Amino acid sequence: VCYTGDGTDPRSITHNLTATPELMIVKRRDASANWRVYSAATGATNQLFLNLTDASAASAGAWSNTAPTSSAFTVGFLNNSSGATYVAYLFASCPGVSKVGSYTGTGTTQQINCGFSSGSRFVLIKRTDSTGDWYVWYSARGIVAGNDPYLLLNSTAAEVTNTDYVDTYSAGFEISSTAPAAINANGGSFIFLAIA
């Protein structure tokens, strides 16, 4: 969804996702600004930043404390500066195609069931209760039983190729016991987007 800010707070913006967004990424296009992220798991009173490692934090100015619906999402003044141009990327779970969700870390190997039949081809993970990177794996670069290359969306660093943090699992993806705290800390809170 693309829109031009009008300075009002709150402001409702219609969308045609035909489902309630569970993950939204909003970026101002005409000036330097952070990528603000909404997650259903952390709620409309909080925000994350796609380009930063920050934990989820309270912010009434991002979503005006209003959860999205199947026809509209709400922005506050931080995402609606008068005359500014924005782009919003909206994601929702679609059975057998995509899964937006959350999990609690165990520090041990765990399988994340996304309801897929042939595993995940794309996985994005972010820790929300503490600082942590935005990890991305996808099948073109390898999600296999061995080492799995990943990129960090919040970093300009080259991909890391010598770790085995995520493995194949027919219903979704598996998180390895060797994964760091940013992916599988015991008791930690995490969000994910997986695509079959």
N, C-alpha and C. Protein backbone atom coordinates (compact mmCIF):
# COMPACT_ATOMS: atom_id res chain seq x y z
N VAL A 1 0.85 -1.18 0.00
CA VAL A 1 0.00 0.00 0.00
C VAL A 1 0.89 1.24 0.00
N CYS A 2 0.62 2.18 -0.90
CA CYS A 2 1.33 3.45 -0.91
C CYS A 2 0.35 4.55 -0.51
N TYR A 3 0.82 5.50 0.29
CA TYR A 3 -0.05 6.60 0.70
C TYR A 3 0.77 7.84 0.97
N THR A 4 0.09 8.99 0.97
CA THR A 4 0.71 10.27 1.28
C THR A 4 0.19 10.73 2.63
N GLY A 5 1.08 11.09 3.53
CA GLY A 5 0.69 11.50 4.86
C GLY A 5 -0.14 12.77 4.86
N ASP A 6 -1.08 12.85 5.83
CA ASP A 6 -1.90 14.06 5.95
C ASP A 6 -1.80 14.70 7.33
N GLY A 7 -0.94 14.13 8.19
CA GLY A 7 -0.70 14.73 9.50
C GLY A 7 -1.72 14.40 10.57
N THR A 8 -2.77 13.65 10.25
CA THR A 8 -3.76 13.33 11.27
C THR A 8 -3.32 12.13 12.10
N ASP A 9 -3.83 12.05 13.31
CA ASP A 9 -3.51 10.94 14.23
C ASP A 9 -4.74 10.73 15.13
N PRO A 10 -5.41 9.60 14.98
CA PRO A 10 -5.10 8.46 14.11
C PRO A 10 -5.61 8.67 12.69
N ARG A 11 -5.05 7.85 11.79
CA ARG A 11 -5.52 7.83 10.41
C ARG A 11 -5.70 6.39 9.97
N SER A 12 -6.86 6.09 9.42
CA SER A 12 -7.17 4.76 8.92
C SER A 12 -6.87 4.72 7.42
N ILE A 13 -6.15 3.67 7.00
CA ILE A 13 -5.78 3.51 5.59
C ILE A 13 -6.32 2.17 5.12
N THR A 14 -7.09 2.17 4.05
CA THR A 14 -7.67 0.93 3.54
C THR A 14 -6.61 0.10 2.81
N HIS A 15 -6.85 -1.20 2.81
CA HIS A 15 -5.98 -2.13 2.08
C HIS A 15 -6.85 -3.21 1.46
N ASN A 16 -6.28 -3.99 0.55
CA ASN A 16 -7.04 -5.06 -0.10
C ASN A 16 -6.43 -6.44 0.14
N LEU A 17 -5.81 -6.62 1.31
CA LEU A 17 -5.22 -7.91 1.65
C LEU A 17 -6.31 -8.97 1.85
N THR A 18 -7.52 -8.56 2.16
CA THR A 18 -8.67 -9.43 2.47
C THR A 18 -8.42 -10.34 3.66
N ALA A 19 -7.49 -9.94 4.50
CA ALA A 19 -7.19 -10.63 5.76
C ALA A 19 -6.61 -9.59 6.71
N THR A 20 -6.67 -9.85 7.98
CA THR A 20 -6.11 -8.92 8.95
C THR A 20 -4.59 -9.06 8.95
N PRO A 21 -3.86 -8.00 8.68
CA PRO A 21 -2.39 -8.08 8.69
C PRO A 21 -1.86 -8.48 10.06
N GLU A 22 -0.94 -9.43 10.07
CA GLU A 22 -0.28 -9.86 11.30
C GLU A 22 1.14 -9.30 11.39
N LEU A 23 1.64 -8.79 10.27
CA LEU A 23 2.95 -8.18 10.20
C LEU A 23 2.85 -7.04 9.19
N MET A 24 3.29 -5.84 9.59
CA MET A 24 3.29 -4.69 8.68
C MET A 24 4.64 -4.00 8.78
N ILE A 25 5.16 -3.61 7.63
CA ILE A 25 6.43 -2.87 7.55
C ILE A 25 6.13 -1.57 6.81
N VAL A 26 6.38 -0.44 7.47
CA VAL A 26 6.09 0.87 6.88
C VAL A 26 7.37 1.67 6.77
N LYS A 27 7.59 2.28 5.59
CA LYS A 27 8.80 3.06 5.34
C LYS A 27 8.44 4.37 4.66
N ARG A 28 8.98 5.46 5.19
CA ARG A 28 8.83 6.74 4.50
C ARG A 28 9.72 6.71 3.27
N ARG A 29 9.19 7.16 2.12
CA ARG A 29 9.92 7.06 0.85
C ARG A 29 10.62 8.34 0.43
N ASP A 30 10.18 9.48 0.91
CA ASP A 30 10.72 10.75 0.42
C ASP A 30 11.78 11.35 1.33
N ALA A 31 12.14 10.65 2.40
CA ALA A 31 13.17 11.15 3.33
C ALA A 31 13.76 9.97 4.08
N SER A 32 14.91 10.18 4.67
CA SER A 32 15.56 9.15 5.46
C SER A 32 14.73 8.87 6.72
N ALA A 33 14.44 7.61 6.98
CA ALA A 33 13.63 7.24 8.14
C ALA A 33 13.79 5.75 8.40
N ASN A 34 13.48 5.33 9.62
CA ASN A 34 13.51 3.91 9.98
C ASN A 34 12.36 3.16 9.32
N TRP A 35 12.54 1.85 9.19
CA TRP A 35 11.48 0.96 8.75
C TRP A 35 10.72 0.54 10.01
N ARG A 36 9.51 1.07 10.23
CA ARG A 36 8.72 0.72 11.41
C ARG A 36 7.94 -0.57 11.15
N VAL A 37 7.91 -1.43 12.18
CA VAL A 37 7.30 -2.74 12.03
C VAL A 37 6.22 -2.95 13.10
N TYR A 38 5.06 -3.40 12.65
CA TYR A 38 3.98 -3.85 13.53
C TYR A 38 3.95 -5.37 13.51
N SER A 39 3.76 -5.97 14.67
CA SER A 39 3.58 -7.41 14.76
C SER A 39 2.37 -7.68 15.65
N ALA A 40 1.48 -8.56 15.21
CA ALA A 40 0.33 -8.92 16.03
C ALA A 40 0.78 -9.51 17.36
N ALA A 41 1.94 -10.17 17.39
CA ALA A 41 2.43 -10.78 18.62
C ALA A 41 2.82 -9.76 19.68
N THR A 42 3.30 -8.58 19.25
CA THR A 42 3.69 -7.55 20.21
C THR A 42 2.62 -6.49 20.37
N GLY A 43 1.66 -6.42 19.45
CA GLY A 43 0.51 -5.56 19.60
C GLY A 43 0.66 -4.16 19.02
N ALA A 44 -0.48 -3.48 18.94
CA ALA A 44 -0.54 -2.15 18.32
C ALA A 44 -0.01 -1.04 19.22
N THR A 45 0.35 -1.37 20.45
CA THR A 45 0.93 -0.34 21.33
C THR A 45 2.45 -0.33 21.24
N ASN A 46 3.00 -1.23 20.45
CA ASN A 46 4.46 -1.37 20.33
C ASN A 46 4.91 -1.27 18.88
N GLN A 47 6.21 -1.07 18.71
CA GLN A 47 6.80 -1.07 17.38
C GLN A 47 8.19 -1.69 17.44
N LEU A 48 8.62 -2.18 16.29
CA LEU A 48 9.98 -2.66 16.06
C LEU A 48 10.52 -1.87 14.88
N PHE A 49 11.83 -1.99 14.63
CA PHE A 49 12.46 -1.34 13.49
C PHE A 49 13.21 -2.38 12.68
N LEU A 50 12.87 -2.51 11.41
CA LEU A 50 13.49 -3.51 10.54
C LEU A 50 14.98 -3.26 10.34
N ASN A 51 15.41 -2.03 10.42
CA ASN A 51 16.81 -1.69 10.18
C ASN A 51 17.63 -1.59 11.47
N LEU A 52 17.03 -1.93 12.62
CA LEU A 52 17.72 -1.86 13.90
C LEU A 52 17.55 -3.17 14.67
N THR A 53 18.33 -3.35 15.72
CA THR A 53 18.24 -4.56 16.54
C THR A 53 17.38 -4.36 17.78
N ASP A 54 16.76 -3.21 17.95
CA ASP A 54 16.01 -2.89 19.16
C ASP A 54 14.95 -3.94 19.49
N ALA A 55 14.68 -4.10 20.80
CA ALA A 55 13.56 -4.91 21.25
C ALA A 55 12.26 -4.16 20.96
N SER A 56 11.16 -4.86 21.02
CA SER A 56 9.86 -4.22 20.87
C SER A 56 9.68 -3.19 21.98
N ALA A 57 9.18 -2.00 21.62
CA ALA A 57 9.02 -0.93 22.60
C ALA A 57 7.71 -0.19 22.37
N ALA A 58 7.16 0.37 23.44
CA ALA A 58 5.91 1.10 23.36
C ALA A 58 6.05 2.32 22.46
N SER A 59 4.99 2.57 21.65
CA SER A 59 4.97 3.73 20.79
C SER A 59 3.54 3.98 20.32
N ALA A 60 2.86 4.90 20.97
CA ALA A 60 1.50 5.25 20.55
C ALA A 60 1.51 5.95 19.20
N GLY A 61 2.63 6.60 18.85
CA GLY A 61 2.69 7.37 17.61
C GLY A 61 2.86 6.57 16.35
N ALA A 62 3.15 5.27 16.46
CA ALA A 62 3.32 4.45 15.26
C ALA A 62 1.98 3.97 14.71
N TRP A 63 1.19 3.29 15.54
CA TRP A 63 -0.06 2.66 15.10
C TRP A 63 -1.27 3.26 15.81
N SER A 64 -1.06 4.30 16.58
CA SER A 64 -2.12 4.97 17.35
C SER A 64 -2.88 3.97 18.23
N ASN A 65 -2.13 2.97 18.73
CA ASN A 65 -2.67 1.94 19.64
C ASN A 65 -3.90 1.22 19.07
N THR A 66 -3.95 1.08 17.74
CA THR A 66 -5.10 0.48 17.08
C THR A 66 -4.66 -0.68 16.19
N ALA A 67 -5.17 -1.86 16.48
CA ALA A 67 -4.83 -3.04 15.68
C ALA A 67 -5.47 -2.95 14.29
N PRO A 68 -4.82 -3.50 13.28
CA PRO A 68 -5.40 -3.48 11.93
C PRO A 68 -6.61 -4.41 11.84
N THR A 69 -7.39 -4.21 10.79
CA THR A 69 -8.53 -5.08 10.50
C THR A 69 -8.35 -5.67 9.10
N SER A 70 -9.32 -6.45 8.67
CA SER A 70 -9.23 -7.07 7.34
C SER A 70 -9.42 -6.08 6.20
N SER A 71 -9.75 -4.83 6.52
CA SER A 71 -9.95 -3.85 5.46
C SER A 71 -9.12 -2.57 5.63
N ALA A 72 -8.53 -2.35 6.82
CA ALA A 72 -7.78 -1.11 7.04
C ALA A 72 -6.73 -1.29 8.13
N PHE A 73 -5.70 -0.45 8.09
CA PHE A 73 -4.74 -0.38 9.19
C PHE A 73 -4.66 1.08 9.62
N THR A 74 -4.25 1.29 10.86
CA THR A 74 -4.22 2.63 11.44
C THR A 74 -2.79 3.06 11.69
N VAL A 75 -2.49 4.30 11.33
CA VAL A 75 -1.17 4.87 11.62
C VAL A 75 -1.35 6.10 12.51
N GLY A 76 -0.28 6.38 13.26
CA GLY A 76 -0.23 7.58 14.06
C GLY A 76 0.69 8.59 13.40
N PHE A 77 1.02 9.65 14.13
CA PHE A 77 1.80 10.74 13.53
C PHE A 77 3.18 10.32 13.06
N LEU A 78 3.76 9.27 13.66
CA LEU A 78 5.10 8.83 13.25
C LEU A 78 5.10 8.21 11.85
N ASN A 79 3.96 7.73 11.42
CA ASN A 79 3.82 7.13 10.08
C ASN A 79 2.88 7.94 9.19
N ASN A 80 2.72 9.24 9.49
CA ASN A 80 1.74 10.02 8.74
C ASN A 80 2.08 11.51 8.70
N SER A 81 3.35 11.84 8.50
CA SER A 81 3.75 13.25 8.41
C SER A 81 3.09 13.89 7.19
N SER A 82 2.56 15.09 7.36
CA SER A 82 1.85 15.77 6.29
C SER A 82 2.74 15.94 5.05
N GLY A 83 2.23 15.46 3.91
CA GLY A 83 2.94 15.59 2.64
C GLY A 83 3.99 14.54 2.37
N ALA A 84 4.34 13.72 3.36
CA ALA A 84 5.35 12.67 3.19
C ALA A 84 4.74 11.48 2.45
N THR A 85 5.58 10.76 1.71
CA THR A 85 5.10 9.57 1.00
C THR A 85 5.60 8.31 1.69
N TYR A 86 4.74 7.31 1.76
CA TYR A 86 5.03 6.07 2.50
C TYR A 86 4.68 4.85 1.65
N VAL A 87 5.33 3.73 1.99
CA VAL A 87 4.95 2.43 1.45
C VAL A 87 4.77 1.50 2.65
N ALA A 88 3.72 0.69 2.60
CA ALA A 88 3.44 -0.27 3.67
C ALA A 88 3.34 -1.66 3.06
N TYR A 89 4.08 -2.61 3.62
CA TYR A 89 4.03 -4.00 3.20
C TYR A 89 3.26 -4.77 4.26
N LEU A 90 2.22 -5.48 3.86
CA LEU A 90 1.32 -6.16 4.79
C LEU A 90 1.40 -7.67 4.57
N PHE A 91 1.46 -8.41 5.67
CA PHE A 91 1.56 -9.87 5.61
C PHE A 91 0.54 -10.50 6.55
N ALA A 92 -0.06 -11.60 6.10
CA ALA A 92 -0.98 -12.37 6.92
C ALA A 92 -0.77 -13.85 6.62
N SER A 93 -1.17 -14.70 7.54
CA SER A 93 -1.08 -16.13 7.32
C SER A 93 -2.10 -16.57 6.29
N CYS A 94 -1.67 -17.46 5.40
CA CYS A 94 -2.55 -18.06 4.38
C CYS A 94 -2.25 -19.56 4.41
N PRO A 95 -3.21 -20.38 4.79
CA PRO A 95 -2.96 -21.82 4.97
C PRO A 95 -2.21 -22.44 3.79
N GLY A 96 -1.12 -23.11 4.11
CA GLY A 96 -0.31 -23.80 3.12
C GLY A 96 0.61 -22.91 2.31
N VAL A 97 0.51 -21.58 2.50
CA VAL A 97 1.31 -20.64 1.71
C VAL A 97 2.25 -19.82 2.59
N SER A 98 1.71 -19.19 3.62
CA SER A 98 2.53 -18.35 4.49
C SER A 98 2.05 -18.46 5.92
N LYS A 99 2.95 -18.19 6.85
CA LYS A 99 2.61 -18.22 8.27
C LYS A 99 3.33 -17.08 8.96
N VAL A 100 2.55 -16.19 9.59
CA VAL A 100 3.10 -15.16 10.46
C VAL A 100 2.82 -15.63 11.88
N GLY A 101 3.84 -15.72 12.68
CA GLY A 101 3.62 -16.27 14.02
C GLY A 101 4.66 -15.85 15.01
N SER A 102 4.62 -16.51 16.15
CA SER A 102 5.57 -16.25 17.23
C SER A 102 5.86 -17.56 17.95
N TYR A 103 6.95 -17.59 18.67
CA TYR A 103 7.29 -18.76 19.48
C TYR A 103 8.12 -18.32 20.67
N THR A 104 8.20 -19.19 21.64
CA THR A 104 9.03 -18.97 22.81
C THR A 104 10.26 -19.86 22.68
N GLY A 105 11.43 -19.28 22.87
CA GLY A 105 12.66 -20.06 22.75
C GLY A 105 12.79 -21.10 23.85
N THR A 106 13.50 -22.18 23.53
CA THR A 106 13.73 -23.26 24.49
C THR A 106 15.21 -23.50 24.77
N GLY A 107 16.07 -22.99 23.89
CA GLY A 107 17.49 -23.30 24.01
C GLY A 107 17.83 -24.68 23.51
N THR A 108 16.81 -25.45 23.11
CA THR A 108 17.00 -26.79 22.56
C THR A 108 16.37 -26.82 21.17
N THR A 109 16.63 -27.89 20.43
CA THR A 109 16.04 -28.02 19.11
C THR A 109 14.52 -28.03 19.21
N GLN A 110 13.87 -27.23 18.38
CA GLN A 110 12.40 -27.23 18.36
C GLN A 110 11.89 -27.04 16.94
N GLN A 111 10.76 -27.67 16.66
CA GLN A 111 10.13 -27.58 15.35
C GLN A 111 8.99 -26.56 15.42
N ILE A 112 8.95 -25.67 14.42
CA ILE A 112 7.91 -24.66 14.32
C ILE A 112 6.93 -25.10 13.24
N ASN A 113 5.74 -25.47 13.66
CA ASN A 113 4.73 -25.98 12.74
C ASN A 113 3.99 -24.82 12.11
N CYS A 114 4.12 -24.68 10.80
CA CYS A 114 3.46 -23.61 10.05
C CYS A 114 2.28 -24.13 9.24
N GLY A 115 2.01 -25.43 9.35
CA GLY A 115 0.91 -26.01 8.58
C GLY A 115 1.25 -26.28 7.13
N PHE A 116 2.55 -26.31 6.81
CA PHE A 116 2.98 -26.57 5.43
C PHE A 116 3.10 -28.07 5.20
N SER A 117 3.22 -28.47 3.94
CA SER A 117 3.41 -29.89 3.62
C SER A 117 4.79 -30.18 3.07
N SER A 118 5.50 -29.16 2.61
CA SER A 118 6.84 -29.37 2.05
C SER A 118 7.87 -28.44 2.66
N GLY A 119 7.65 -27.97 3.86
CA GLY A 119 8.61 -27.12 4.55
C GLY A 119 8.60 -25.68 4.09
N SER A 120 9.44 -24.88 4.71
CA SER A 120 9.55 -23.45 4.41
C SER A 120 10.64 -23.19 3.40
N ARG A 121 10.36 -22.29 2.46
CA ARG A 121 11.38 -21.86 1.51
C ARG A 121 11.96 -20.50 1.89
N PHE A 122 11.30 -19.81 2.82
CA PHE A 122 11.75 -18.50 3.30
C PHE A 122 11.41 -18.42 4.77
N VAL A 123 12.38 -17.98 5.61
CA VAL A 123 12.14 -17.82 7.04
C VAL A 123 12.79 -16.52 7.51
N LEU A 124 12.01 -15.69 8.19
CA LEU A 124 12.47 -14.45 8.81
C LEU A 124 12.20 -14.56 10.30
N ILE A 125 13.21 -14.31 11.14
CA ILE A 125 13.05 -14.41 12.60
C ILE A 125 13.63 -13.17 13.26
N LYS A 126 12.91 -12.66 14.29
CA LYS A 126 13.38 -11.52 15.10
C LYS A 126 13.01 -11.75 16.55
N ARG A 127 13.97 -11.56 17.46
CA ARG A 127 13.67 -11.60 18.89
C ARG A 127 13.00 -10.28 19.27
N THR A 128 11.96 -10.34 20.07
CA THR A 128 11.20 -9.13 20.39
C THR A 128 11.34 -8.66 21.84
N ASP A 129 11.73 -9.54 22.76
CA ASP A 129 11.81 -9.14 24.17
C ASP A 129 13.20 -8.65 24.55
N SER A 130 14.12 -8.66 23.62
CA SER A 130 15.49 -8.21 23.83
C SER A 130 16.04 -7.80 22.47
N THR A 131 17.21 -7.20 22.47
CA THR A 131 17.82 -6.84 21.19
C THR A 131 18.14 -8.09 20.38
N GLY A 132 18.14 -7.95 19.08
CA GLY A 132 18.46 -9.08 18.22
C GLY A 132 18.31 -8.69 16.76
N ASP A 133 19.07 -9.37 15.92
CA ASP A 133 19.05 -9.11 14.49
C ASP A 133 17.80 -9.69 13.84
N TRP A 134 17.56 -9.27 12.60
CA TRP A 134 16.50 -9.83 11.74
C TRP A 134 17.16 -10.86 10.83
N TYR A 135 17.04 -12.13 11.16
CA TYR A 135 17.66 -13.23 10.42
C TYR A 135 16.77 -13.68 9.26
N VAL A 136 17.39 -13.93 8.10
CA VAL A 136 16.65 -14.41 6.93
C VAL A 136 17.37 -15.61 6.31
N TRP A 137 16.58 -16.66 6.09
CA TRP A 137 17.04 -17.83 5.33
C TRP A 137 16.06 -18.05 4.20
N TYR A 138 16.54 -18.55 3.06
CA TYR A 138 15.64 -18.93 1.99
C TYR A 138 16.28 -20.02 1.16
N SER A 139 15.44 -20.81 0.51
CA SER A 139 15.89 -22.04 -0.12
C SER A 139 16.87 -21.82 -1.27
N ALA A 140 16.81 -20.69 -1.96
CA ALA A 140 17.75 -20.44 -3.05
C ALA A 140 19.19 -20.40 -2.53
N ARG A 141 19.36 -20.03 -1.28
CA ARG A 141 20.69 -19.99 -0.67
C ARG A 141 20.92 -21.21 0.21
N GLY A 142 19.89 -21.99 0.44
CA GLY A 142 20.02 -23.25 1.15
C GLY A 142 19.37 -23.29 2.51
N ILE A 143 18.32 -24.08 2.65
CA ILE A 143 17.80 -24.50 3.95
C ILE A 143 17.86 -26.01 3.89
N VAL A 144 18.91 -26.56 4.48
CA VAL A 144 19.21 -27.98 4.37
C VAL A 144 19.51 -28.54 5.75
N ALA A 145 19.85 -29.82 5.83
CA ALA A 145 20.16 -30.46 7.10
C ALA A 145 21.52 -30.02 7.66
N GLY A 146 22.36 -29.42 6.81
CA GLY A 146 23.67 -28.95 7.27
C GLY A 146 23.68 -27.45 7.47
N ASN A 147 24.83 -26.82 7.17
CA ASN A 147 24.94 -25.37 7.33
C ASN A 147 23.97 -24.65 6.40
N ASP A 148 23.40 -23.57 6.93
CA ASP A 148 22.39 -22.79 6.20
C ASP A 148 22.81 -21.34 6.15
N PRO A 149 23.14 -20.80 4.96
CA PRO A 149 23.53 -19.39 4.86
C PRO A 149 22.38 -18.48 5.26
N TYR A 150 22.70 -17.40 5.97
CA TYR A 150 21.67 -16.43 6.32
C TYR A 150 22.19 -15.01 6.12
N LEU A 151 21.24 -14.08 5.98
CA LEU A 151 21.52 -12.65 5.91
C LEU A 151 20.84 -11.97 7.09
N LEU A 152 21.33 -10.80 7.46
CA LEU A 152 20.71 -9.98 8.49
C LEU A 152 20.13 -8.75 7.80
N LEU A 153 18.81 -8.57 7.88
CA LEU A 153 18.17 -7.45 7.20
C LEU A 153 18.61 -6.10 7.75
N ASN A 154 19.04 -6.07 9.01
CA ASN A 154 19.43 -4.82 9.65
C ASN A 154 20.93 -4.53 9.51
N SER A 155 21.62 -5.27 8.67
CA SER A 155 23.07 -5.14 8.56
C SER A 155 23.50 -5.12 7.10
N THR A 156 24.63 -4.48 6.84
CA THR A 156 25.21 -4.49 5.50
C THR A 156 26.26 -5.58 5.35
N ALA A 157 26.44 -6.40 6.37
CA ALA A 157 27.46 -7.47 6.35
C ALA A 157 27.13 -8.53 5.30
N ALA A 158 28.16 -9.21 4.85
CA ALA A 158 27.98 -10.32 3.92
C ALA A 158 27.23 -11.46 4.61
N GLU A 159 26.67 -12.38 3.82
CA GLU A 159 25.96 -13.50 4.41
C GLU A 159 26.91 -14.37 5.23
N VAL A 160 26.35 -15.05 6.22
CA VAL A 160 27.11 -15.99 7.04
C VAL A 160 26.80 -17.38 6.51
N THR A 161 27.84 -18.17 6.25
CA THR A 161 27.64 -19.46 5.58
C THR A 161 28.04 -20.68 6.41
N ASN A 162 28.61 -20.48 7.59
CA ASN A 162 29.19 -21.61 8.33
C ASN A 162 28.45 -21.95 9.62
N THR A 163 27.12 -21.73 9.64
CA THR A 163 26.33 -22.05 10.83
C THR A 163 25.14 -22.93 10.46
N ASP A 164 24.61 -23.62 11.46
CA ASP A 164 23.46 -24.50 11.26
C ASP A 164 22.40 -24.16 12.30
N TYR A 165 21.72 -23.03 12.11
CA TYR A 165 20.73 -22.56 13.09
C TYR A 165 19.32 -22.97 12.74
N VAL A 166 19.03 -23.16 11.45
CA VAL A 166 17.70 -23.53 10.99
C VAL A 166 17.82 -24.75 10.09
N ASP A 167 16.91 -25.69 10.25
CA ASP A 167 16.91 -26.89 9.42
C ASP A 167 15.55 -27.13 8.80
N THR A 168 15.51 -28.10 7.89
CA THR A 168 14.27 -28.45 7.21
C THR A 168 13.33 -29.16 8.18
N TYR A 169 12.04 -28.96 7.95
CA TYR A 169 10.98 -29.65 8.68
C TYR A 169 9.75 -29.55 7.80
N SER A 170 9.13 -30.67 7.48
CA SER A 170 8.08 -30.68 6.46
C SER A 170 6.92 -29.74 6.76
N ALA A 171 6.56 -29.54 8.03
CA ALA A 171 5.42 -28.69 8.37
C ALA A 171 5.80 -27.23 8.58
N GLY A 172 7.11 -26.91 8.48
CA GLY A 172 7.55 -25.53 8.69
C GLY A 172 9.06 -25.42 8.66
N PHE A 173 9.65 -25.20 9.84
CA PHE A 173 11.11 -25.14 9.95
C PHE A 173 11.52 -25.58 11.34
N GLU A 174 12.78 -25.96 11.47
CA GLU A 174 13.31 -26.42 12.75
C GLU A 174 14.42 -25.49 13.20
N ILE A 175 14.40 -25.14 14.47
CA ILE A 175 15.44 -24.30 15.05
C ILE A 175 16.40 -25.20 15.81
N SER A 176 17.66 -25.06 15.52
CA SER A 176 18.69 -25.93 16.09
C SER A 176 19.03 -25.54 17.53
N SER A 177 19.48 -26.52 18.28
CA SER A 177 19.93 -26.26 19.66
C SER A 177 21.20 -25.42 19.66
N THR A 178 21.88 -25.31 18.52
CA THR A 178 23.10 -24.51 18.42
C THR A 178 22.81 -23.04 18.11
N ALA A 179 21.54 -22.71 17.87
CA ALA A 179 21.16 -21.34 17.53
C ALA A 179 21.45 -20.40 18.71
N PRO A 180 21.87 -19.17 18.42
CA PRO A 180 22.20 -18.22 19.48
C PRO A 180 20.94 -17.68 20.16
N ALA A 181 21.15 -16.90 21.22
CA ALA A 181 20.05 -16.33 21.99
C ALA A 181 19.14 -15.46 21.13
N ALA A 182 19.67 -14.87 20.07
CA ALA A 182 18.86 -14.01 19.19
C ALA A 182 17.84 -14.80 18.39
N ILE A 183 17.93 -16.14 18.43
CA ILE A 183 17.00 -16.99 17.70
C ILE A 183 16.27 -17.98 18.60
N ASN A 184 16.91 -18.41 19.70
CA ASN A 184 16.33 -19.49 20.49
C ASN A 184 16.70 -19.42 21.97
N ALA A 185 16.76 -18.22 22.55
CA ALA A 185 17.06 -18.12 23.98
C ALA A 185 15.95 -18.77 24.80
N ASN A 186 16.30 -19.54 25.79
CA ASN A 186 15.31 -20.18 26.64
C ASN A 186 14.42 -19.12 27.29
N GLY A 187 13.12 -19.17 27.00
CA GLY A 187 12.18 -18.19 27.54
C GLY A 187 12.06 -16.92 26.75
N GLY A 188 12.87 -16.75 25.69
CA GLY A 188 12.81 -15.54 24.87
C GLY A 188 11.59 -15.53 23.97
N SER A 189 11.18 -14.33 23.54
CA SER A 189 10.02 -14.17 22.66
C SER A 189 10.49 -13.82 21.25
N PHE A 190 9.92 -14.48 20.26
CA PHE A 190 10.35 -14.34 18.88
C PHE A 190 9.15 -14.24 17.95
N ILE A 191 9.30 -13.48 16.86
CA ILE A 191 8.32 -13.46 15.79
C ILE A 191 8.95 -14.04 14.54
N PHE A 192 8.10 -14.51 13.63
CA PHE A 192 8.63 -15.06 12.39
C PHE A 192 7.64 -14.87 11.25
N LEU A 193 8.17 -14.89 10.05
CA LEU A 193 7.40 -14.97 8.82
C LEU A 193 7.99 -16.13 8.03
N ALA A 194 7.17 -17.09 7.70
CA ALA A 194 7.62 -18.24 6.91
C ALA A 194 6.76 -18.36 5.66
N ILE A 195 7.39 -18.70 4.55
CA ILE A 195 6.68 -18.87 3.28
C ILE A 195 7.01 -20.26 2.73
N ALA A 196 5.99 -20.98 2.34
CA ALA A 196 6.16 -22.35 1.86
C ALA A 196 6.78 -22.39 0.47
